[in-house]
Amino acid sequence: FGALAYVLVELLPEWFGSAQGQHARRRVVSTLDPEKRYRLLTDQLDVADTIATRAALAEECLALGKFAEAERHYEHILALPMGDDAIYALGKARAQFGLGHPQDAVATLEDLRARWPGYQSADGHLLYARALEESGHTEEALYEYQAVANYYPGAEARARYGLLLDKAGRQTEAKVVFTELLTQLKRAPKYVRRVQAEWIALAEKALRG
């Protein structure tokens, strides 16, 4: 009991005060009460309807799968004089994709590209490729997957590119993509392989046929 008391009274407060401890604490709170931050931001929005608060609430809605509400928040922000920003258009597209409306997401992202030609986002580019795929535009999606796979951090873009190649009947090309992906990841540090475990397993399964 004495040792436990020491940990609770002396060590935990100090650890929770560190950056790592605060991150762990947020994860614990999120697990125990996943909508706590959502409720807090909703209350804050009732008090002061600012772009920053509404954008934070919209992002939290995306994380919780409340895509319809997220879309409404982003549309509200984009209609404001100070809210006309590419990052909010991307948020709207993410919400539309989450709602199962990939064609709407494609339209939003193409409008984003036209209005903000200098804006760069690897996540946005991957979302565009996925939305094209879900909309049935296979060739256009393959082109975008190939392009984003060249610079996207992590293995997801290349894995999805390989999957669509295989689906399109281009198995030889898909095998090359998966083999190169696994070869590169085998040389990566363990923590990288752990983070990319989902895509490693997918590539290995695809190669096994």
C-alpha atoms as a PDB file:
ATOM      1  CA  PHE A   1       0.000   0.000   0.000  1.00  0.00           C
ATOM      2  CA  GLY A   2       2.855   2.340   0.804  1.00  0.00           C
ATOM      3  CA  ALA A   3       4.443   1.824  -2.602  1.00  0.00           C
ATOM      4  CA  LEU A   4       1.084   2.338  -4.341  1.00  0.00           C
ATOM      5  CA  ALA A   5       0.478   5.512  -2.375  1.00  0.00           C
ATOM      6  CA  TYR A   6       3.918   6.814  -3.384  1.00  0.00           C
ATOM      7  CA  VAL A   7       3.155   6.198  -7.052  1.00  0.00           C
ATOM      8  CA  LEU A   8      -0.271   7.851  -6.811  1.00  0.00           C
ATOM      9  CA  VAL A   9       0.788  10.853  -4.759  1.00  0.00           C
ATOM     10  CA  GLU A  10       4.338  11.496  -5.899  1.00  0.00           C
ATOM     11  CA  LEU A  11       4.984  10.000  -9.311  1.00  0.00           C
ATOM     12  CA  LEU A  12       1.697  10.187 -11.234  1.00  0.00           C
ATOM     13  CA  PRO A  13       1.172  13.962 -10.863  1.00  0.00           C
ATOM     14  CA  GLU A  14       4.730  14.605 -12.058  1.00  0.00           C
ATOM     15  CA  TRP A  15       4.377  12.145 -14.946  1.00  0.00           C
ATOM     16  CA  PHE A  16       1.009  13.579 -16.000  1.00  0.00           C
ATOM     17  CA  GLY A  17       2.661  16.981 -16.052  1.00  0.00           C
ATOM     18  CA  SER A  18       5.060  15.855 -18.781  1.00  0.00           C
ATOM     19  CA  ALA A  19       4.171  15.950 -22.472  1.00  0.00           C
ATOM     20  CA  GLN A  20       4.085  12.149 -22.640  1.00  0.00           C
ATOM     21  CA  GLY A  21       1.961  11.962 -19.519  1.00  0.00           C
ATOM     22  CA  GLN A  22      -0.507  14.542 -20.796  1.00  0.00           C
ATOM     23  CA  HIS A  23      -0.864  12.626 -24.049  1.00  0.00           C
ATOM     24  CA  ALA A  24      -1.478   9.396 -22.151  1.00  0.00           C
ATOM     25  CA  ARG A  25      -3.978  11.140 -19.907  1.00  0.00           C
ATOM     26  CA  ARG A  26      -5.910  12.430 -22.924  1.00  0.00           C
ATOM     27  CA  ARG A  27      -5.997   8.903 -24.362  1.00  0.00           C
ATOM     28  CA  VAL A  28      -7.321   7.488 -21.084  1.00  0.00           C
ATOM     29  CA  VAL A  29     -10.003  10.184 -20.841  1.00  0.00           C
ATOM     30  CA  SER A  30     -10.922   9.660 -24.485  1.00  0.00           C
ATOM     31  CA  THR A  31     -11.310   5.930 -23.906  1.00  0.00           C
ATOM     32  CA  LEU A  32     -13.408   6.304 -20.766  1.00  0.00           C
ATOM     33  CA  ASP A  33     -15.528   9.194 -22.053  1.00  0.00           C
ATOM     34  CA  PRO A  34     -15.042   9.607 -25.833  1.00  0.00           C
ATOM     35  CA  GLU A  35     -17.536  12.480 -26.113  1.00  0.00           C
ATOM     36  CA  LYS A  36     -16.156  14.595 -23.275  1.00  0.00           C
ATOM     37  CA  ARG A  37     -14.239  16.934 -25.584  1.00  0.00           C
ATOM     38  CA  TYR A  38     -17.214  17.056 -27.952  1.00  0.00           C
ATOM     39  CA  ARG A  39     -19.509  18.238 -25.154  1.00  0.00           C
ATOM     40  CA  LEU A  40     -16.945  20.773 -23.955  1.00  0.00           C
ATOM     41  CA  LEU A  41     -16.533  22.260 -27.448  1.00  0.00           C
ATOM     42  CA  THR A  42     -20.303  22.310 -27.965  1.00  0.00           C
ATOM     43  CA  ASP A  43     -20.684  24.300 -24.745  1.00  0.00           C
ATOM     44  CA  GLN A  44     -17.893  26.646 -25.793  1.00  0.00           C
ATOM     45  CA  LEU A  45     -19.573  27.222 -29.150  1.00  0.00           C
ATOM     46  CA  ASP A  46     -22.805  28.176 -27.380  1.00  0.00           C
ATOM     47  CA  VAL A  47     -20.882  30.794 -25.411  1.00  0.00           C
ATOM     48  CA  ALA A  48     -18.711  32.154 -28.228  1.00  0.00           C
ATOM     49  CA  ASP A  49     -19.304  31.133 -31.837  1.00  0.00           C
ATOM     50  CA  THR A  50     -15.795  31.645 -33.214  1.00  0.00           C
ATOM     51  CA  ILE A  51     -14.203  30.027 -36.251  1.00  0.00           C
ATOM     52  CA  ALA A  52     -11.539  28.409 -34.079  1.00  0.00           C
ATOM     53  CA  THR A  53     -14.089  26.814 -31.737  1.00  0.00           C
ATOM     54  CA  ARG A  54     -16.384  25.678 -34.547  1.00  0.00           C
ATOM     55  CA  ALA A  55     -13.441  24.231 -36.489  1.00  0.00           C
ATOM     56  CA  ALA A  56     -12.245  22.345 -33.399  1.00  0.00           C
ATOM     57  CA  LEU A  57     -15.770  20.992 -32.895  1.00  0.00           C
ATOM     58  CA  ALA A  58     -15.991  19.971 -36.561  1.00  0.00           C
ATOM     59  CA  GLU A  59     -12.688  18.102 -36.265  1.00  0.00           C
ATOM     60  CA  GLU A  60     -13.935  16.348 -33.137  1.00  0.00           C
ATOM     61  CA  CYS A  61     -17.115  15.388 -34.990  1.00  0.00           C
ATOM     62  CA  LEU A  62     -14.988  13.771 -37.701  1.00  0.00           C
ATOM     63  CA  ALA A  63     -13.090  11.801 -35.076  1.00  0.00           C
ATOM     64  CA  LEU A  64     -16.359  10.579 -33.544  1.00  0.00           C
ATOM     65  CA  GLY A  65     -17.987   9.720 -36.864  1.00  0.00           C
ATOM     66  CA  LYS A  66     -20.535  12.551 -36.619  1.00  0.00           C
ATOM     67  CA  PHE A  67     -20.028  13.357 -40.284  1.00  0.00           C
ATOM     68  CA  ALA A  68     -23.302  15.161 -40.968  1.00  0.00           C
ATOM     69  CA  GLU A  69     -22.684  17.576 -38.105  1.00  0.00           C
ATOM     70  CA  ALA A  70     -19.073  18.061 -39.187  1.00  0.00           C
ATOM     71  CA  GLU A  71     -20.216  18.953 -42.711  1.00  0.00           C
ATOM     72  CA  ARG A  72     -22.656  21.539 -41.352  1.00  0.00           C
ATOM     73  CA  HIS A  73     -19.942  23.161 -39.259  1.00  0.00           C
ATOM     74  CA  TYR A  74     -17.507  23.363 -42.168  1.00  0.00           C
ATOM     75  CA  GLU A  75     -20.168  24.794 -44.489  1.00  0.00           C
ATOM     76  CA  HIS A  76     -20.953  27.424 -41.862  1.00  0.00           C
ATOM     77  CA  ILE A  77     -17.277  28.352 -41.547  1.00  0.00           C
ATOM     78  CA  LEU A  78     -16.710  28.513 -45.307  1.00  0.00           C
ATOM     79  CA  ALA A  79     -19.629  30.936 -45.661  1.00  0.00           C
ATOM     80  CA  LEU A  80     -17.933  33.403 -43.307  1.00  0.00           C
ATOM     81  CA  PRO A  81     -15.668  36.172 -44.682  1.00  0.00           C
ATOM     82  CA  MET A  82     -12.741  34.986 -42.529  1.00  0.00           C
ATOM     83  CA  GLY A  83     -13.497  31.293 -42.995  1.00  0.00           C
ATOM     84  CA  ASP A  84     -12.771  31.047 -46.694  1.00  0.00           C
ATOM     85  CA  ASP A  85      -9.797  28.702 -46.331  1.00  0.00           C
ATOM     86  CA  ALA A  86      -8.644  25.502 -48.038  1.00  0.00           C
ATOM     87  CA  ILE A  87      -8.261  23.613 -44.772  1.00  0.00           C
ATOM     88  CA  TYR A  88     -11.982  23.962 -44.070  1.00  0.00           C
ATOM     89  CA  ALA A  89     -12.871  22.844 -47.577  1.00  0.00           C
ATOM     90  CA  LEU A  90     -10.752  19.755 -46.982  1.00  0.00           C
ATOM     91  CA  GLY A  91     -12.602  19.153 -43.720  1.00  0.00           C
ATOM     92  CA  LYS A  92     -15.905  19.378 -45.575  1.00  0.00           C
ATOM     93  CA  ALA A  93     -14.680  16.817 -48.131  1.00  0.00           C
ATOM     94  CA  ARG A  94     -13.631  14.467 -45.326  1.00  0.00           C
ATOM     95  CA  ALA A  95     -17.118  14.735 -43.844  1.00  0.00           C
ATOM     96  CA  GLN A  96     -18.753  14.073 -47.225  1.00  0.00           C
ATOM     97  CA  PHE A  97     -16.581  11.010 -47.768  1.00  0.00           C
ATOM     98  CA  GLY A  98     -17.413   9.778 -44.285  1.00  0.00           C
ATOM     99  CA  LEU A  99     -21.112  10.150 -45.088  1.00  0.00           C
ATOM    100  CA  GLY A 100     -20.673   7.852 -48.082  1.00  0.00           C
ATOM    101  CA  HIS A 101     -20.939  10.660 -50.645  1.00  0.00           C
ATOM    102  CA  PRO A 102     -17.668  10.281 -52.583  1.00  0.00           C
ATOM    103  CA  GLN A 103     -18.890  12.236 -55.606  1.00  0.00           C
ATOM    104  CA  ASP A 104     -19.615  15.242 -53.385  1.00  0.00           C
ATOM    105  CA  ALA A 105     -16.124  14.876 -51.894  1.00  0.00           C
ATOM    106  CA  VAL A 106     -14.603  14.831 -55.385  1.00  0.00           C
ATOM    107  CA  ALA A 107     -16.501  18.007 -56.315  1.00  0.00           C
ATOM    108  CA  THR A 108     -15.416  19.762 -53.112  1.00  0.00           C
ATOM    109  CA  LEU A 109     -11.770  18.796 -53.594  1.00  0.00           C
ATOM    110  CA  GLU A 110     -11.754  19.848 -57.239  1.00  0.00           C
ATOM    111  CA  ASP A 111     -13.224  23.197 -56.223  1.00  0.00           C
ATOM    112  CA  LEU A 112     -10.534  23.444 -53.542  1.00  0.00           C
ATOM    113  CA  ARG A 113      -7.826  22.818 -56.142  1.00  0.00           C
ATOM    114  CA  ALA A 114      -9.265  25.492 -58.440  1.00  0.00           C
ATOM    115  CA  ARG A 115      -9.611  28.119 -55.712  1.00  0.00           C
ATOM    116  CA  TRP A 116      -6.347  27.419 -53.879  1.00  0.00           C
ATOM    117  CA  PRO A 117      -3.934  26.027 -56.507  1.00  0.00           C
ATOM    118  CA  GLY A 118      -0.950  26.452 -54.214  1.00  0.00           C
ATOM    119  CA  TYR A 119      -2.404  24.444 -51.341  1.00  0.00           C
ATOM    120  CA  GLN A 120      -0.631  21.137 -50.689  1.00  0.00           C
ATOM    121  CA  SER A 121      -1.951  18.283 -48.553  1.00  0.00           C
ATOM    122  CA  ALA A 122      -0.890  14.655 -48.793  1.00  0.00           C
ATOM    123  CA  ASP A 123      -3.983  13.622 -46.828  1.00  0.00           C
ATOM    124  CA  GLY A 124      -6.179  15.651 -49.138  1.00  0.00           C
ATOM    125  CA  HIS A 125      -4.561  14.114 -52.205  1.00  0.00           C
ATOM    126  CA  LEU A 126      -5.088  10.598 -50.858  1.00  0.00           C
ATOM    127  CA  LEU A 127      -8.695  11.434 -50.024  1.00  0.00           C
ATOM    128  CA  TYR A 128      -9.186  12.633 -53.602  1.00  0.00           C
ATOM    129  CA  ALA A 129      -7.860   9.337 -54.972  1.00  0.00           C
ATOM    130  CA  ARG A 130     -10.088   7.346 -52.629  1.00  0.00           C
ATOM    131  CA  ALA A 131     -13.152   9.419 -53.518  1.00  0.00           C
ATOM    132  CA  LEU A 132     -12.473   8.908 -57.224  1.00  0.00           C
ATOM    133  CA  GLU A 133     -12.178   5.168 -56.637  1.00  0.00           C
ATOM    134  CA  GLU A 134     -15.415   5.048 -54.662  1.00  0.00           C
ATOM    135  CA  SER A 135     -17.117   7.073 -57.406  1.00  0.00           C
ATOM    136  CA  GLY A 136     -16.170   4.447 -59.986  1.00  0.00           C
ATOM    137  CA  HIS A 137     -13.498   6.513 -61.770  1.00  0.00           C
ATOM    138  CA  THR A 138     -10.867   3.775 -61.700  1.00  0.00           C
ATOM    139  CA  GLU A 139      -8.349   5.157 -64.189  1.00  0.00           C
ATOM    140  CA  GLU A 140      -8.406   8.628 -62.663  1.00  0.00           C
ATOM    141  CA  ALA A 141      -8.037   7.100 -59.201  1.00  0.00           C
ATOM    142  CA  LEU A 142      -5.055   5.006 -60.301  1.00  0.00           C
ATOM    143  CA  TYR A 143      -3.370   8.127 -61.662  1.00  0.00           C
ATOM    144  CA  GLU A 144      -3.887  10.006 -58.387  1.00  0.00           C
ATOM    145  CA  TYR A 145      -2.832   7.036 -56.245  1.00  0.00           C
ATOM    146  CA  GLN A 146       0.392   6.733 -58.229  1.00  0.00           C
ATOM    147  CA  ALA A 147       1.070  10.439 -57.818  1.00  0.00           C
ATOM    148  CA  VAL A 148       0.352  10.625 -54.088  1.00  0.00           C
ATOM    149  CA  ALA A 149       2.216   7.363 -53.385  1.00  0.00           C
ATOM    150  CA  ASN A 150       5.442   9.105 -54.404  1.00  0.00           C
ATOM    151  CA  TYR A 151       5.379  11.457 -51.424  1.00  0.00           C
ATOM    152  CA  TYR A 152       2.729  10.306 -48.955  1.00  0.00           C
ATOM    153  CA  PRO A 153       4.208   9.632 -45.495  1.00  0.00           C
ATOM    154  CA  GLY A 154       3.523   6.039 -44.595  1.00  0.00           C
ATOM    155  CA  ALA A 155       2.419   3.024 -46.583  1.00  0.00           C
ATOM    156  CA  GLU A 156      -1.316   3.618 -46.998  1.00  0.00           C
ATOM    157  CA  ALA A 157      -1.197   5.362 -50.379  1.00  0.00           C
ATOM    158  CA  ARG A 158       1.004   2.695 -51.958  1.00  0.00           C
ATOM    159  CA  ALA A 159      -1.053  -0.115 -50.442  1.00  0.00           C
ATOM    160  CA  ARG A 160      -4.280   1.359 -51.777  1.00  0.00           C
ATOM    161  CA  TYR A 161      -2.629   1.875 -55.161  1.00  0.00           C
ATOM    162  CA  GLY A 162      -1.628  -1.785 -55.251  1.00  0.00           C
ATOM    163  CA  LEU A 163      -5.110  -2.904 -54.246  1.00  0.00           C
ATOM    164  CA  LEU A 164      -6.767  -0.921 -57.013  1.00  0.00           C
ATOM    165  CA  LEU A 165      -4.252  -2.183 -59.572  1.00  0.00           C
ATOM    166  CA  ASP A 166      -5.118  -5.718 -58.543  1.00  0.00           C
ATOM    167  CA  LYS A 167      -8.841  -4.955 -58.670  1.00  0.00           C
ATOM    168  CA  ALA A 168      -8.403  -3.489 -62.161  1.00  0.00           C
ATOM    169  CA  GLY A 169      -6.810  -6.734 -63.388  1.00  0.00           C
ATOM    170  CA  ARG A 170      -3.250  -5.398 -63.416  1.00  0.00           C
ATOM    171  CA  GLN A 171      -1.872  -8.052 -61.060  1.00  0.00           C
ATOM    172  CA  THR A 172       1.736  -7.885 -62.277  1.00  0.00           C
ATOM    173  CA  GLU A 173       1.964  -4.171 -61.522  1.00  0.00           C
ATOM    174  CA  ALA A 174       0.210  -4.675 -58.199  1.00  0.00           C
ATOM    175  CA  LYS A 175       2.730  -7.356 -57.213  1.00  0.00           C
ATOM    176  CA  VAL A 176       5.604  -4.956 -57.948  1.00  0.00           C
ATOM    177  CA  VAL A 177       4.015  -2.261 -55.772  1.00  0.00           C
ATOM    178  CA  PHE A 178       3.430  -4.628 -52.847  1.00  0.00           C
ATOM    179  CA  THR A 179       6.900  -6.201 -53.107  1.00  0.00           C
ATOM    180  CA  GLU A 180       8.638  -2.820 -53.134  1.00  0.00           C
ATOM    181  CA  LEU A 181       6.516  -1.676 -50.222  1.00  0.00           C
ATOM    182  CA  LEU A 182       7.415  -4.688 -48.080  1.00  0.00           C
ATOM    183  CA  THR A 183      11.091  -4.502 -49.016  1.00  0.00           C
ATOM    184  CA  GLN A 184      11.243  -0.884 -47.894  1.00  0.00           C
ATOM    185  CA  LEU A 185       9.364  -1.482 -44.662  1.00  0.00           C
ATOM    186  CA  LYS A 186      11.531  -4.465 -43.708  1.00  0.00           C
ATOM    187  CA  ARG A 187      14.465  -2.040 -43.524  1.00  0.00           C
ATOM    188  CA  ALA A 188      12.512   0.421 -41.388  1.00  0.00           C
ATOM    189  CA  PRO A 189      12.836   0.656 -37.582  1.00  0.00           C
ATOM    190  CA  LYS A 190      10.531  -1.495 -35.470  1.00  0.00           C
ATOM    191  CA  TYR A 191       8.348   1.412 -34.385  1.00  0.00           C
ATOM    192  CA  VAL A 192       7.717   2.310 -38.027  1.00  0.00           C
ATOM    193  CA  ARG A 193       6.738  -1.281 -38.844  1.00  0.00           C
ATOM    194  CA  ARG A 194       4.450  -1.285 -35.824  1.00  0.00           C
ATOM    195  CA  VAL A 195       2.674   1.873 -36.977  1.00  0.00           C
ATOM    196  CA  GLN A 196       2.371   0.506 -40.521  1.00  0.00           C
ATOM    197  CA  ALA A 197       1.352  -3.016 -39.408  1.00  0.00           C
ATOM    198  CA  GLU A 198      -2.082  -2.821 -41.052  1.00  0.00           C
ATOM    199  CA  TRP A 199      -0.623  -2.071 -44.473  1.00  0.00           C
ATOM    200  CA  ILE A 200       2.184  -4.609 -44.104  1.00  0.00           C
ATOM    201  CA  ALA A 201      -0.383  -7.323 -43.367  1.00  0.00           C
ATOM    202  CA  LEU A 202      -2.485  -6.201 -46.304  1.00  0.00           C
ATOM    203  CA  ALA A 203       0.470  -6.291 -48.726  1.00  0.00           C
ATOM    204  CA  GLU A 204       1.564  -9.721 -47.482  1.00  0.00           C
ATOM    205  CA  LYS A 205      -1.965 -11.076 -47.891  1.00  0.00           C
ATOM    206  CA  ALA A 206      -2.204  -9.642 -51.406  1.00  0.00           C
ATOM    207  CA  LEU A 207       1.067 -11.281 -52.434  1.00  0.00           C
ATOM    208  CA  ARG A 208      -0.073 -14.637 -51.093  1.00  0.00           C
ATOM    209  CA  GLY A 209      -3.060 -14.332 -53.385  1.00  0.00           C
END
